[in-house]
Amino acid sequence: LAAAATCGLAGCDAVRDATDAAGQATDKASICVDALRLAGFSPDLSDPEQAVKDAQKTSEDLARLAGQTPDEALRTALTDMSRKVGELGPDDMNPASITRWADEKVNTLDALTRACA
C-alpha cells in the first residue's frame, strides 16, 4: 500500500512538473509575442518629443516583460532590447543617429528572436 501511495505521489509530481513546464512554455510564448511586437518600435521623427516618450514607454514595457520570465536567455535579451530602445534621446532625433541606432537595434532584435525560439 505504501508503494502504491508513493507511486501515486510520484505520478502527481510528474503531472505537476509537466503542467508547470507547459505553463512556462505558454508564458514564454506570450511574452515573446509581446516582446517582438514592442521590439518593432520605430520612432516618429516628425514628432521628436513624442518619439522619445514612446521610446521610454516601450523600454519600460520590455523591462516589465523581462521581469516576468524565468528564462535566463529571454530575460537577458529583453533587458538588452529595453536598454537599446530606452537609450534613444532628444539628441538622437536626426537621420544619422536614428540610422546608427536602428542598425544596432537589429543585432539586439536578432538576439531576442533567438531567445524566443
PDB file of N, CA and C in Angstrom:
ATOM      1  N   LEU A   1       0.829  -1.198   0.000  1.00  0.00           N
ATOM      2  CA  LEU A   1       0.000   0.000   0.000  1.00  0.00           C
ATOM      3  C   LEU A   1       0.870   1.257   0.000  1.00  0.00           C
ATOM      4  N   ALA A   2       1.958   1.215   0.787  1.00  0.00           N
ATOM      5  CA  ALA A   2       2.865   2.359   0.828  1.00  0.00           C
ATOM      6  C   ALA A   2       3.513   2.587  -0.543  1.00  0.00           C
ATOM      7  N   ALA A   3       3.870   1.481  -1.220  1.00  0.00           N
ATOM      8  CA  ALA A   3       4.478   1.609  -2.547  1.00  0.00           C
ATOM      9  C   ALA A   3       3.489   2.237  -3.523  1.00  0.00           C
ATOM     10  N   ALA A   4       2.248   1.849  -3.446  1.00  0.00           N
ATOM     11  CA  ALA A   4       1.226   2.415  -4.327  1.00  0.00           C
ATOM     12  C   ALA A   4       1.042   3.905  -4.032  1.00  0.00           C
ATOM     13  N   ALA A   5       1.067   4.256  -2.760  1.00  0.00           N
ATOM     14  CA  ALA A   5       0.911   5.656  -2.384  1.00  0.00           C
ATOM     15  C   ALA A   5       2.098   6.471  -2.901  1.00  0.00           C
ATOM     16  N   THR A   6       3.301   5.901  -2.793  1.00  0.00           N
ATOM     17  CA  THR A   6       4.492   6.596  -3.266  1.00  0.00           C
ATOM     18  C   THR A   6       4.435   6.785  -4.773  1.00  0.00           C
ATOM     19  N   CYS A   7       4.038   5.757  -5.503  1.00  0.00           N
ATOM     20  CA  CYS A   7       3.904   5.865  -6.950  1.00  0.00           C
ATOM     21  C   CYS A   7       2.835   6.893  -7.305  1.00  0.00           C
ATOM     22  N   GLY A   8       1.785   6.895  -6.540  1.00  0.00           N
ATOM     23  CA  GLY A   8       0.724   7.873  -6.772  1.00  0.00           C
ATOM     24  C   GLY A   8       1.249   9.276  -6.587  1.00  0.00           C
ATOM     25  N   LEU A   9       2.026   9.486  -5.537  1.00  0.00           N
ATOM     26  CA  LEU A   9       2.597  10.814  -5.296  1.00  0.00           C
ATOM     27  C   LEU A   9       3.602  11.183  -6.377  1.00  0.00           C
ATOM     28  N   ALA A  10       4.398  10.211  -6.778  1.00  0.00           N
ATOM     29  CA  ALA A  10       5.368  10.464  -7.835  1.00  0.00           C
ATOM     30  C   ALA A  10       4.636  10.821  -9.129  1.00  0.00           C
ATOM     31  N   GLY A  11       3.537  10.139  -9.375  1.00  0.00           N
ATOM     32  CA  GLY A  11       2.734  10.439 -10.549  1.00  0.00           C
ATOM     33  C   GLY A  11       2.184  11.850 -10.490  1.00  0.00           C
ATOM     34  N   CYS A  12       1.736  12.242  -9.309  1.00  0.00           N
ATOM     35  CA  CYS A  12       1.234  13.613  -9.136  1.00  0.00           C
ATOM     36  C   CYS A  12       2.340  14.634  -9.382  1.00  0.00           C
ATOM     37  N   ASP A  13       3.526  14.322  -8.871  1.00  0.00           N
ATOM     38  CA  ASP A  13       4.657  15.219  -9.086  1.00  0.00           C
ATOM     39  C   ASP A  13       4.979  15.342 -10.571  1.00  0.00           C
ATOM     40  N   ALA A  14       4.927  14.227 -11.289  1.00  0.00           N
ATOM     41  CA  ALA A  14       5.219  14.243 -12.714  1.00  0.00           C
ATOM     42  C   ALA A  14       4.185  15.074 -13.465  1.00  0.00           C
ATOM     43  N   VAL A  15       2.922  14.913 -13.101  1.00  0.00           N
ATOM     44  CA  VAL A  15       1.861  15.688 -13.741  1.00  0.00           C
ATOM     45  C   VAL A  15       2.035  17.168 -13.426  1.00  0.00           C
ATOM     46  N   ARG A  16       2.351  17.484 -12.174  1.00  0.00           N
ATOM     47  CA  ARG A  16       2.550  18.875 -11.774  1.00  0.00           C
ATOM     48  C   ARG A  16       3.748  19.479 -12.531  1.00  0.00           C
ATOM     49  N   ASP A  17       4.834  18.708 -12.630  1.00  0.00           N
ATOM     50  CA  ASP A  17       6.013  19.183 -13.361  1.00  0.00           C
ATOM     51  C   ASP A  17       5.691  19.436 -14.832  1.00  0.00           C
ATOM     52  N   ALA A  18       4.948  18.513 -15.430  1.00  0.00           N
ATOM     53  CA  ALA A  18       4.572  18.669 -16.831  1.00  0.00           C
ATOM     54  C   ALA A  18       3.657  19.875 -17.009  1.00  0.00           C
ATOM     55  N   THR A  19       2.735  20.071 -16.080  1.00  0.00           N
ATOM     56  CA  THR A  19       1.834  21.218 -16.136  1.00  0.00           C
ATOM     57  C   THR A  19       2.609  22.518 -15.984  1.00  0.00           C
ATOM     58  N   ASP A  20       3.554  22.541 -15.036  1.00  0.00           N
ATOM     59  CA  ASP A  20       4.394  23.731 -14.850  1.00  0.00           C
ATOM     60  C   ASP A  20       5.201  24.035 -16.109  1.00  0.00           C
ATOM     61  N   ALA A  21       5.767  23.002 -16.722  1.00  0.00           N
ATOM     62  CA  ALA A  21       6.560  23.188 -17.941  1.00  0.00           C
ATOM     63  C   ALA A  21       5.683  23.731 -19.069  1.00  0.00           C
ATOM     64  N   ALA A  22       4.488  23.195 -19.188  1.00  0.00           N
ATOM     65  CA  ALA A  22       3.569  23.672 -20.224  1.00  0.00           C
ATOM     66  C   ALA A  22       3.175  25.119 -19.959  1.00  0.00           C
ATOM     67  N   GLY A  23       2.943  25.445 -18.695  1.00  0.00           N
ATOM     68  CA  GLY A  23       2.601  26.818 -18.333  1.00  0.00           C
ATOM     69  C   GLY A  23       3.738  27.770 -18.632  1.00  0.00           C
ATOM     70  N   GLN A  24       4.962  27.361 -18.354  1.00  0.00           N
ATOM     71  CA  GLN A  24       6.123  28.209 -18.640  1.00  0.00           C
ATOM     72  C   GLN A  24       6.304  28.409 -20.139  1.00  0.00           C
ATOM     73  N   ALA A  25       6.053  27.343 -20.905  1.00  0.00           N
ATOM     74  CA  ALA A  25       6.170  27.457 -22.359  1.00  0.00           C
ATOM     75  C   ALA A  25       5.130  28.439 -22.898  1.00  0.00           C
ATOM     76  N   THR A  26       3.905  28.362 -22.366  1.00  0.00           N
ATOM     77  CA  THR A  26       2.852  29.281 -22.780  1.00  0.00           C
ATOM     78  C   THR A  26       3.222  30.702 -22.386  1.00  0.00           C
ATOM     79  N   ASP A  27       3.716  30.861 -21.156  1.00  0.00           N
ATOM     80  CA  ASP A  27       4.141  32.182 -20.702  1.00  0.00           C
ATOM     81  C   ASP A  27       5.253  32.725 -21.593  1.00  0.00           C
ATOM     82  N   LYS A  28       6.227  31.885 -21.913  1.00  0.00           N
ATOM     83  CA  LYS A  28       7.333  32.319 -22.761  1.00  0.00           C
ATOM     84  C   LYS A  28       6.799  32.726 -24.120  1.00  0.00           C
ATOM     85  N   ALA A  29       5.889  31.937 -24.662  1.00  0.00           N
ATOM     86  CA  ALA A  29       5.335  32.255 -25.977  1.00  0.00           C
ATOM     87  C   ALA A  29       4.585  33.584 -25.946  1.00  0.00           C
ATOM     88  N   SER A  30       3.775  33.813 -24.929  1.00  0.00           N
ATOM     89  CA  SER A  30       3.025  35.066 -24.867  1.00  0.00           C
ATOM     90  C   SER A  30       3.958  36.242 -24.606  1.00  0.00           C
ATOM     91  N   ILE A  31       4.986  36.040 -23.781  1.00  0.00           N
ATOM     92  CA  ILE A  31       5.975  37.093 -23.547  1.00  0.00           C
ATOM     93  C   ILE A  31       6.693  37.425 -24.847  1.00  0.00           C
ATOM     94  N   CYS A  32       7.055  36.403 -25.602  1.00  0.00           N
ATOM     95  CA  CYS A  32       7.761  36.630 -26.865  1.00  0.00           C
ATOM     96  C   CYS A  32       6.887  37.360 -27.880  1.00  0.00           C
ATOM     97  N   VAL A  33       5.612  37.032 -27.936  1.00  0.00           N
ATOM     98  CA  VAL A  33       4.717  37.737 -28.851  1.00  0.00           C
ATOM     99  C   VAL A  33       4.704  39.225 -28.505  1.00  0.00           C
ATOM    100  N   ASP A  34       4.531  39.531 -27.216  1.00  0.00           N
ATOM    101  CA  ASP A  34       4.527  40.928 -26.780  1.00  0.00           C
ATOM    102  C   ASP A  34       5.886  41.589 -27.021  1.00  0.00           C
ATOM    103  N   ALA A  35       6.944  40.861 -26.697  1.00  0.00           N
ATOM    104  CA  ALA A  35       8.297  41.413 -26.820  1.00  0.00           C
ATOM    105  C   ALA A  35       8.633  41.739 -28.271  1.00  0.00           C
ATOM    106  N   LEU A  36       8.321  40.849 -29.166  1.00  0.00           N
ATOM    107  CA  LEU A  36       8.644  41.087 -30.576  1.00  0.00           C
ATOM    108  C   LEU A  36       7.801  42.224 -31.159  1.00  0.00           C
ATOM    109  N   ARG A  37       6.583  42.349 -30.681  1.00  0.00           N
ATOM    110  CA  ARG A  37       5.746  43.481 -31.111  1.00  0.00           C
ATOM    111  C   ARG A  37       6.380  44.788 -30.626  1.00  0.00           C
ATOM    112  N   LEU A  38       6.771  44.827 -29.355  1.00  0.00           N
ATOM    113  CA  LEU A  38       7.398  46.022 -28.790  1.00  0.00           C
ATOM    114  C   LEU A  38       8.745  46.319 -29.442  1.00  0.00           C
ATOM    115  N   ALA A  39       9.485  45.267 -29.757  1.00  0.00           N
ATOM    116  CA  ALA A  39      10.810  45.438 -30.363  1.00  0.00           C
ATOM    117  C   ALA A  39      10.726  46.042 -31.758  1.00  0.00           C
ATOM    118  N   GLY A  40       9.558  46.006 -32.352  1.00  0.00           N
ATOM    119  CA  GLY A  40       9.348  46.622 -33.660  1.00  0.00           C
ATOM    120  C   GLY A  40       9.224  48.137 -33.587  1.00  0.00           C
ATOM    121  N   PHE A  41       9.394  48.689 -32.395  1.00  0.00           N
ATOM    122  CA  PHE A  41       9.285  50.137 -32.207  1.00  0.00           C
ATOM    123  C   PHE A  41      10.187  50.895 -33.179  1.00  0.00           C
ATOM    124  N   SER A  42       9.599  51.901 -33.787  1.00  0.00           N
ATOM    125  CA  SER A  42      10.339  52.776 -34.692  1.00  0.00           C
ATOM    126  C   SER A  42       9.907  54.207 -34.375  1.00  0.00           C
ATOM    127  N   PRO A  43      10.852  55.082 -34.047  1.00  0.00           N
ATOM    128  CA  PRO A  43      10.481  56.440 -33.654  1.00  0.00           C
ATOM    129  C   PRO A  43       9.937  57.261 -34.819  1.00  0.00           C
ATOM    130  N   ASP A  44       8.989  58.118 -34.507  1.00  0.00           N
ATOM    131  CA  ASP A  44       8.397  59.018 -35.487  1.00  0.00           C
ATOM    132  C   ASP A  44       9.184  60.328 -35.449  1.00  0.00           C
ATOM    133  N   LEU A  45      10.028  60.543 -36.441  1.00  0.00           N
ATOM    134  CA  LEU A  45      10.888  61.722 -36.465  1.00  0.00           C
ATOM    135  C   LEU A  45      10.121  63.024 -36.675  1.00  0.00           C
ATOM    136  N   SER A  46       8.862  62.931 -37.096  1.00  0.00           N
ATOM    137  CA  SER A  46       8.084  64.153 -37.287  1.00  0.00           C
ATOM    138  C   SER A  46       7.662  64.762 -35.952  1.00  0.00           C
ATOM    139  N   ASP A  47       7.727  63.972 -34.874  1.00  0.00           N
ATOM    140  CA  ASP A  47       7.398  64.466 -33.533  1.00  0.00           C
ATOM    141  C   ASP A  47       8.453  63.942 -32.557  1.00  0.00           C
ATOM    142  N   PRO A  48       9.628  64.557 -32.545  1.00  0.00           N
ATOM    143  CA  PRO A  48      10.748  64.057 -31.733  1.00  0.00           C
ATOM    144  C   PRO A  48      10.433  63.933 -30.249  1.00  0.00           C
ATOM    145  N   GLU A  49       9.705  64.892 -29.701  1.00  0.00           N
ATOM    146  CA  GLU A  49       9.378  64.829 -28.272  1.00  0.00           C
ATOM    147  C   GLU A  49       8.532  63.596 -27.961  1.00  0.00           C
ATOM    148  N   GLN A  50       7.527  63.354 -28.784  1.00  0.00           N
ATOM    149  CA  GLN A  50       6.683  62.176 -28.584  1.00  0.00           C
ATOM    150  C   GLN A  50       7.460  60.890 -28.852  1.00  0.00           C
ATOM    151  N   ALA A  51       8.367  60.917 -29.809  1.00  0.00           N
ATOM    152  CA  ALA A  51       9.186  59.738 -30.112  1.00  0.00           C
ATOM    153  C   ALA A  51      10.009  59.325 -28.900  1.00  0.00           C
ATOM    154  N   VAL A  52      10.575  60.295 -28.200  1.00  0.00           N
ATOM    155  CA  VAL A  52      11.362  59.985 -27.004  1.00  0.00           C
ATOM    156  C   VAL A  52      10.461  59.414 -25.914  1.00  0.00           C
ATOM    157  N   LYS A  53       9.278  59.998 -25.737  1.00  0.00           N
ATOM    158  CA  LYS A  53       8.323  59.478 -24.745  1.00  0.00           C
ATOM    159  C   LYS A  53       7.915  58.046 -25.101  1.00  0.00           C
ATOM    160  N   ASP A  54       7.645  57.812 -26.382  1.00  0.00           N
ATOM    161  CA  ASP A  54       7.259  56.466 -26.829  1.00  0.00           C
ATOM    162  C   ASP A  54       8.394  55.465 -26.618  1.00  0.00           C
ATOM    163  N   ALA A  55       9.623  55.906 -26.849  1.00  0.00           N
ATOM    164  CA  ALA A  55      10.776  55.029 -26.637  1.00  0.00           C
ATOM    165  C   ALA A  55      10.894  54.654 -25.167  1.00  0.00           C
ATOM    166  N   GLN A  56      10.696  55.620 -24.284  1.00  0.00           N
ATOM    167  CA  GLN A  56      10.782  55.344 -22.847  1.00  0.00           C
ATOM    168  C   GLN A  56       9.680  54.382 -22.405  1.00  0.00           C
ATOM    169  N   LYS A  57       8.467  54.584 -22.915  1.00  0.00           N
ATOM    170  CA  LYS A  57       7.341  53.700 -22.568  1.00  0.00           C
ATOM    171  C   LYS A  57       7.610  52.288 -23.078  1.00  0.00           C
ATOM    172  N   THR A  58       8.098  52.180 -24.291  1.00  0.00           N
ATOM    173  CA  THR A  58       8.409  50.872 -24.863  1.00  0.00           C
ATOM    174  C   THR A  58       9.517  50.194 -24.067  1.00  0.00           C
ATOM    175  N   SER A  59      10.517  50.948 -23.684  1.00  0.00           N
ATOM    176  CA  SER A  59      11.616  50.422 -22.876  1.00  0.00           C
ATOM    177  C   SER A  59      11.092  49.883 -21.543  1.00  0.00           C
ATOM    178  N   GLU A  60      10.205  50.635 -20.906  1.00  0.00           N
ATOM    179  CA  GLU A  60       9.617  50.192 -19.636  1.00  0.00           C
ATOM    180  C   GLU A  60       8.808  48.911 -19.817  1.00  0.00           C
ATOM    181  N   ASP A  61       8.044  48.834 -20.895  1.00  0.00           N
ATOM    182  CA  ASP A  61       7.245  47.633 -21.164  1.00  0.00           C
ATOM    183  C   ASP A  61       8.143  46.412 -21.391  1.00  0.00           C
ATOM    184  N   LEU A  62       9.242  46.602 -22.108  1.00  0.00           N
ATOM    185  CA  LEU A  62      10.187  45.498 -22.326  1.00  0.00           C
ATOM    186  C   LEU A  62      10.835  45.073 -21.009  1.00  0.00           C
ATOM    187  N   ALA A  63      11.178  46.028 -20.172  1.00  0.00           N
ATOM    188  CA  ALA A  63      11.772  45.706 -18.865  1.00  0.00           C
ATOM    189  C   ALA A  63      10.772  44.947 -18.002  1.00  0.00           C
ATOM    190  N   ARG A  64       9.501  45.331 -18.068  1.00  0.00           N
ATOM    191  CA  ARG A  64       8.461  44.626 -17.309  1.00  0.00           C
ATOM    192  C   ARG A  64       8.368  43.165 -17.773  1.00  0.00           C
ATOM    193  N   LEU A  65       8.408  42.954 -19.078  1.00  0.00           N
ATOM    194  CA  LEU A  65       8.382  41.582 -19.596  1.00  0.00           C
ATOM    195  C   LEU A  65       9.604  40.796 -19.130  1.00  0.00           C
ATOM    196  N   ALA A  66      10.755  41.445 -19.087  1.00  0.00           N
ATOM    197  CA  ALA A  66      11.977  40.772 -18.617  1.00  0.00           C
ATOM    198  C   ALA A  66      11.792  40.279 -17.184  1.00  0.00           C
ATOM    199  N   GLY A  67      11.103  41.053 -16.391  1.00  0.00           N
ATOM    200  CA  GLY A  67      10.850  40.660 -15.010  1.00  0.00           C
ATOM    201  C   GLY A  67       9.843  39.540 -14.860  1.00  0.00           C
ATOM    202  N   GLN A  68       9.111  39.237 -15.906  1.00  0.00           N
ATOM    203  CA  GLN A  68       8.076  38.205 -15.838  1.00  0.00           C
ATOM    204  C   GLN A  68       8.545  36.823 -16.268  1.00  0.00           C
ATOM    205  N   THR A  69       9.712  36.735 -16.882  1.00  0.00           N
ATOM    206  CA  THR A  69      10.133  35.441 -17.419  1.00  0.00           C
ATOM    207  C   THR A  69      11.170  34.765 -16.528  1.00  0.00           C
ATOM    208  N   PRO A  70      11.009  33.463 -16.308  1.00  0.00           N
ATOM    209  CA  PRO A  70      12.042  32.723 -15.579  1.00  0.00           C
ATOM    210  C   PRO A  70      13.192  32.289 -16.491  1.00  0.00           C
ATOM    211  N   ASP A  71      13.028  32.457 -17.804  1.00  0.00           N
ATOM    212  CA  ASP A  71      14.020  32.029 -18.785  1.00  0.00           C
ATOM    213  C   ASP A  71      15.167  33.050 -18.828  1.00  0.00           C
ATOM    214  N   GLU A  72      16.353  32.608 -18.433  1.00  0.00           N
ATOM    215  CA  GLU A  72      17.520  33.494 -18.325  1.00  0.00           C
ATOM    216  C   GLU A  72      17.892  34.152 -19.656  1.00  0.00           C
ATOM    217  N   ALA A  73      17.933  33.366 -20.726  1.00  0.00           N
ATOM    218  CA  ALA A  73      18.312  33.913 -22.035  1.00  0.00           C
ATOM    219  C   ALA A  73      17.294  34.942 -22.513  1.00  0.00           C
ATOM    220  N   LEU A  74      16.039  34.655 -22.306  1.00  0.00           N
ATOM    221  CA  LEU A  74      14.988  35.588 -22.714  1.00  0.00           C
ATOM    222  C   LEU A  74      15.046  36.856 -21.873  1.00  0.00           C
ATOM    223  N   ARG A  75      15.276  36.702 -20.578  1.00  0.00           N
ATOM    224  CA  ARG A  75      15.381  37.869 -19.697  1.00  0.00           C
ATOM    225  C   ARG A  75      16.529  38.783 -20.144  1.00  0.00           C
ATOM    226  N   THR A  76      17.661  38.182 -20.454  1.00  0.00           N
ATOM    227  CA  THR A  76      18.818  38.959 -20.909  1.00  0.00           C
ATOM    228  C   THR A  76      18.512  39.681 -22.217  1.00  0.00           C
ATOM    229  N   ALA A  77      17.898  38.974 -23.158  1.00  0.00           N
ATOM    230  CA  ALA A  77      17.575  39.581 -24.453  1.00  0.00           C
ATOM    231  C   ALA A  77      16.559  40.717 -24.289  1.00  0.00           C
ATOM    232  N   LEU A  78      15.591  40.532 -23.413  1.00  0.00           N
ATOM    233  CA  LEU A  78      14.603  41.581 -23.160  1.00  0.00           C
ATOM    234  C   LEU A  78      15.239  42.800 -22.494  1.00  0.00           C
ATOM    235  N   THR A  79      16.128  42.541 -21.552  1.00  0.00           N
ATOM    236  CA  THR A  79      16.826  43.630 -20.871  1.00  0.00           C
ATOM    237  C   THR A  79      17.684  44.414 -21.863  1.00  0.00           C
ATOM    238  N   ASP A  80      18.378  43.701 -22.731  1.00  0.00           N
ATOM    239  CA  ASP A  80      19.202  44.365 -23.746  1.00  0.00           C
ATOM    240  C   ASP A  80      18.340  45.199 -24.698  1.00  0.00           C
ATOM    241  N   MET A  81      17.206  44.652 -25.109  1.00  0.00           N
ATOM    242  CA  MET A  81      16.315  45.393 -26.011  1.00  0.00           C
ATOM    243  C   MET A  81      15.735  46.607 -25.287  1.00  0.00           C
ATOM    244  N   SER A  82      15.386  46.443 -24.033  1.00  0.00           N
ATOM    245  CA  SER A  82      14.874  47.560 -23.241  1.00  0.00           C
ATOM    246  C   SER A  82      15.905  48.692 -23.182  1.00  0.00           C
ATOM    247  N   ARG A  83      17.148  48.324 -22.933  1.00  0.00           N
ATOM    248  CA  ARG A  83      18.219  49.338 -22.884  1.00  0.00           C
ATOM    249  C   ARG A  83      18.400  50.023 -24.239  1.00  0.00           C
ATOM    250  N   LYS A  84      18.389  49.230 -25.298  1.00  0.00           N
ATOM    251  CA  LYS A  84      18.607  49.794 -26.641  1.00  0.00           C
ATOM    252  C   LYS A  84      17.495  50.784 -26.986  1.00  0.00           C
ATOM    253  N   VAL A  85      16.251  50.416 -26.764  1.00  0.00           N
ATOM    254  CA  VAL A  85      15.142  51.317 -27.071  1.00  0.00           C
ATOM    255  C   VAL A  85      15.188  52.536 -26.140  1.00  0.00           C
ATOM    256  N   GLY A  86      15.491  52.303 -24.872  1.00  0.00           N
ATOM    257  CA  GLY A  86      15.492  53.379 -23.892  1.00  0.00           C
ATOM    258  C   GLY A  86      16.616  54.382 -24.048  1.00  0.00           C
ATOM    259  N   GLU A  87      17.658  54.031 -24.776  1.00  0.00           N
ATOM    260  CA  GLU A  87      18.775  54.964 -24.932  1.00  0.00           C
ATOM    261  C   GLU A  87      18.494  56.050 -25.969  1.00  0.00           C
ATOM    262  N   LEU A  88      17.386  55.933 -26.652  1.00  0.00           N
ATOM    263  CA  LEU A  88      17.015  56.927 -27.652  1.00  0.00           C
ATOM    264  C   LEU A  88      16.588  58.215 -26.943  1.00  0.00           C
ATOM    265  N   GLY A  89      17.294  59.294 -27.229  1.00  0.00           N
ATOM    266  CA  GLY A  89      17.015  60.562 -26.569  1.00  0.00           C
ATOM    267  C   GLY A  89      16.781  61.690 -27.553  1.00  0.00           C
ATOM    268  N   PRO A  90      16.505  62.873 -27.024  1.00  0.00           N
ATOM    269  CA  PRO A  90      16.216  64.027 -27.890  1.00  0.00           C
ATOM    270  C   PRO A  90      17.348  64.347 -28.873  1.00  0.00           C
ATOM    271  N   ASP A  91      18.582  64.117 -28.471  1.00  0.00           N
ATOM    272  CA  ASP A  91      19.711  64.420 -29.350  1.00  0.00           C
ATOM    273  C   ASP A  91      19.873  63.414 -30.486  1.00  0.00           C
ATOM    274  N   ASP A  92      19.119  62.327 -30.411  1.00  0.00           N
ATOM    275  CA  ASP A  92      19.227  61.269 -31.418  1.00  0.00           C
ATOM    276  C   ASP A  92      18.200  61.413 -32.539  1.00  0.00           C
ATOM    277  N   MET A  93      17.423  62.461 -32.514  1.00  0.00           N
ATOM    278  CA  MET A  93      16.335  62.609 -33.472  1.00  0.00           C
ATOM    279  C   MET A  93      16.795  63.269 -34.771  1.00  0.00           C
ATOM    280  N   ASN A  94      17.818  62.677 -35.356  1.00  0.00           N
ATOM    281  CA  ASN A  94      18.282  63.120 -36.667  1.00  0.00           C
ATOM    282  C   ASN A  94      18.575  61.872 -37.489  1.00  0.00           C
ATOM    283  N   PRO A  95      18.543  61.979 -38.788  1.00  0.00           N
ATOM    284  CA  PRO A  95      18.688  60.787 -39.636  1.00  0.00           C
ATOM    285  C   PRO A  95      19.942  59.955 -39.365  1.00  0.00           C
ATOM    286  N   ALA A  96      21.081  60.589 -39.162  1.00  0.00           N
ATOM    287  CA  ALA A  96      22.321  59.823 -38.948  1.00  0.00           C
ATOM    288  C   ALA A  96      22.259  59.027 -37.646  1.00  0.00           C
ATOM    289  N   SER A  97      21.802  59.666 -36.573  1.00  0.00           N
ATOM    290  CA  SER A  97      21.724  58.973 -35.278  1.00  0.00           C
ATOM    291  C   SER A  97      20.684  57.863 -35.302  1.00  0.00           C
ATOM    292  N   ILE A  98      19.540  58.134 -35.909  1.00  0.00           N
ATOM    293  CA  ILE A  98      18.481  57.114 -35.980  1.00  0.00           C
ATOM    294  C   ILE A  98      18.953  55.923 -36.803  1.00  0.00           C
ATOM    295  N   THR A  99      19.652  56.175 -37.869  1.00  0.00           N
ATOM    296  CA  THR A  99      20.160  55.075 -38.703  1.00  0.00           C
ATOM    297  C   THR A  99      21.133  54.206 -37.914  1.00  0.00           C
ATOM    298  N   ARG A 100      22.042  54.831 -37.193  1.00  0.00           N
ATOM    299  CA  ARG A 100      23.003  54.089 -36.374  1.00  0.00           C
ATOM    300  C   ARG A 100      22.279  53.294 -35.284  1.00  0.00           C
ATOM    301  N   TRP A 101      21.319  53.955 -34.623  1.00  0.00           N
ATOM    302  CA  TRP A 101      20.539  53.307 -33.573  1.00  0.00           C
ATOM    303  C   TRP A 101      19.770  52.103 -34.138  1.00  0.00           C
ATOM    304  N   ALA A 102      19.144  52.287 -35.291  1.00  0.00           N
ATOM    305  CA  ALA A 102      18.362  51.201 -35.908  1.00  0.00           C
ATOM    306  C   ALA A 102      19.267  50.031 -36.287  1.00  0.00           C
ATOM    307  N   ASP A 103      20.452  50.319 -36.804  1.00  0.00           N
ATOM    308  CA  ASP A 103      21.395  49.248 -37.149  1.00  0.00           C
ATOM    309  C   ASP A 103      21.785  48.441 -35.911  1.00  0.00           C
ATOM    310  N   GLU A 104      22.049  49.131 -34.814  1.00  0.00           N
ATOM    311  CA  GLU A 104      22.410  48.452 -33.567  1.00  0.00           C
ATOM    312  C   GLU A 104      21.220  47.676 -33.012  1.00  0.00           C
ATOM    313  N   LYS A 105      20.033  48.225 -33.182  1.00  0.00           N
ATOM    314  CA  LYS A 105      18.824  47.555 -32.686  1.00  0.00           C
ATOM    315  C   LYS A 105      18.583  46.234 -33.411  1.00  0.00           C
ATOM    316  N   VAL A 106      18.974  46.154 -34.667  1.00  0.00           N
ATOM    317  CA  VAL A 106      18.808  44.909 -35.433  1.00  0.00           C
ATOM    318  C   VAL A 106      19.557  43.762 -34.743  1.00  0.00           C
ATOM    319  N   ASN A 107      20.776  44.013 -34.294  1.00  0.00           N
ATOM    320  CA  ASN A 107      21.539  42.972 -33.591  1.00  0.00           C
ATOM    321  C   ASN A 107      20.836  42.555 -32.305  1.00  0.00           C
ATOM    322  N   THR A 108      20.300  43.518 -31.598  1.00  0.00           N
ATOM    323  CA  THR A 108      19.582  43.237 -30.352  1.00  0.00           C
ATOM    324  C   THR A 108      18.306  42.445 -30.650  1.00  0.00           C
ATOM    325  N   LEU A 109      17.645  42.794 -31.729  1.00  0.00           N
ATOM    326  CA  LEU A 109      16.435  42.080 -32.135  1.00  0.00           C
ATOM    327  C   LEU A 109      16.756  40.636 -32.526  1.00  0.00           C
ATOM    328  N   ASP A 110      17.872  40.434 -33.195  1.00  0.00           N
ATOM    329  CA  ASP A 110      18.296  39.065 -33.548  1.00  0.00           C
ATOM    330  C   ASP A 110      18.471  38.217 -32.289  1.00  0.00           C
ATOM    331  N   ALA A 111      19.098  38.779 -31.272  1.00  0.00           N
ATOM    332  CA  ALA A 111      19.296  38.040 -30.014  1.00  0.00           C
ATOM    333  C   ALA A 111      17.961  37.737 -29.356  1.00  0.00           C
ATOM    334  N   LEU A 112      17.042  38.680 -29.393  1.00  0.00           N
ATOM    335  CA  LEU A 112      15.704  38.460 -28.812  1.00  0.00           C
ATOM    336  C   LEU A 112      14.968  37.363 -29.583  1.00  0.00           C
ATOM    337  N   THR A 113      15.052  37.404 -30.880  1.00  0.00           N
ATOM    338  CA  THR A 113      14.391  36.389 -31.715  1.00  0.00           C
ATOM    339  C   THR A 113      14.950  34.991 -31.408  1.00  0.00           C
ATOM    340  N   ARG A 114      16.280  34.897 -31.257  1.00  0.00           N
ATOM    341  CA  ARG A 114      16.894  33.598 -30.911  1.00  0.00           C
ATOM    342  C   ARG A 114      16.444  33.123 -29.531  1.00  0.00           C
ATOM    343  N   ALA A 115      16.328  34.032 -28.587  1.00  0.00           N
ATOM    344  CA  ALA A 115      15.899  33.664 -27.230  1.00  0.00           C
ATOM    345  C   ALA A 115      14.448  33.181 -27.227  1.00  0.00           C
ATOM    346  N   CYS A 116      13.666  33.651 -28.170  1.00  0.00           N
ATOM    347  CA  CYS A 116      12.266  33.241 -28.251  1.00  0.00           C
ATOM    348  C   CYS A 116      12.065  31.918 -28.991  1.00  0.00           C
ATOM    349  N   ALA A 117      13.087  31.475 -29.692  1.00  0.00           N
ATOM    350  CA  ALA A 117      12.948  30.240 -30.492  1.00  0.00           C
ATOM    351  C   ALA A 117      12.903  29.011 -29.615  1.00  0.00           C
TER     352      ALA A 117
END
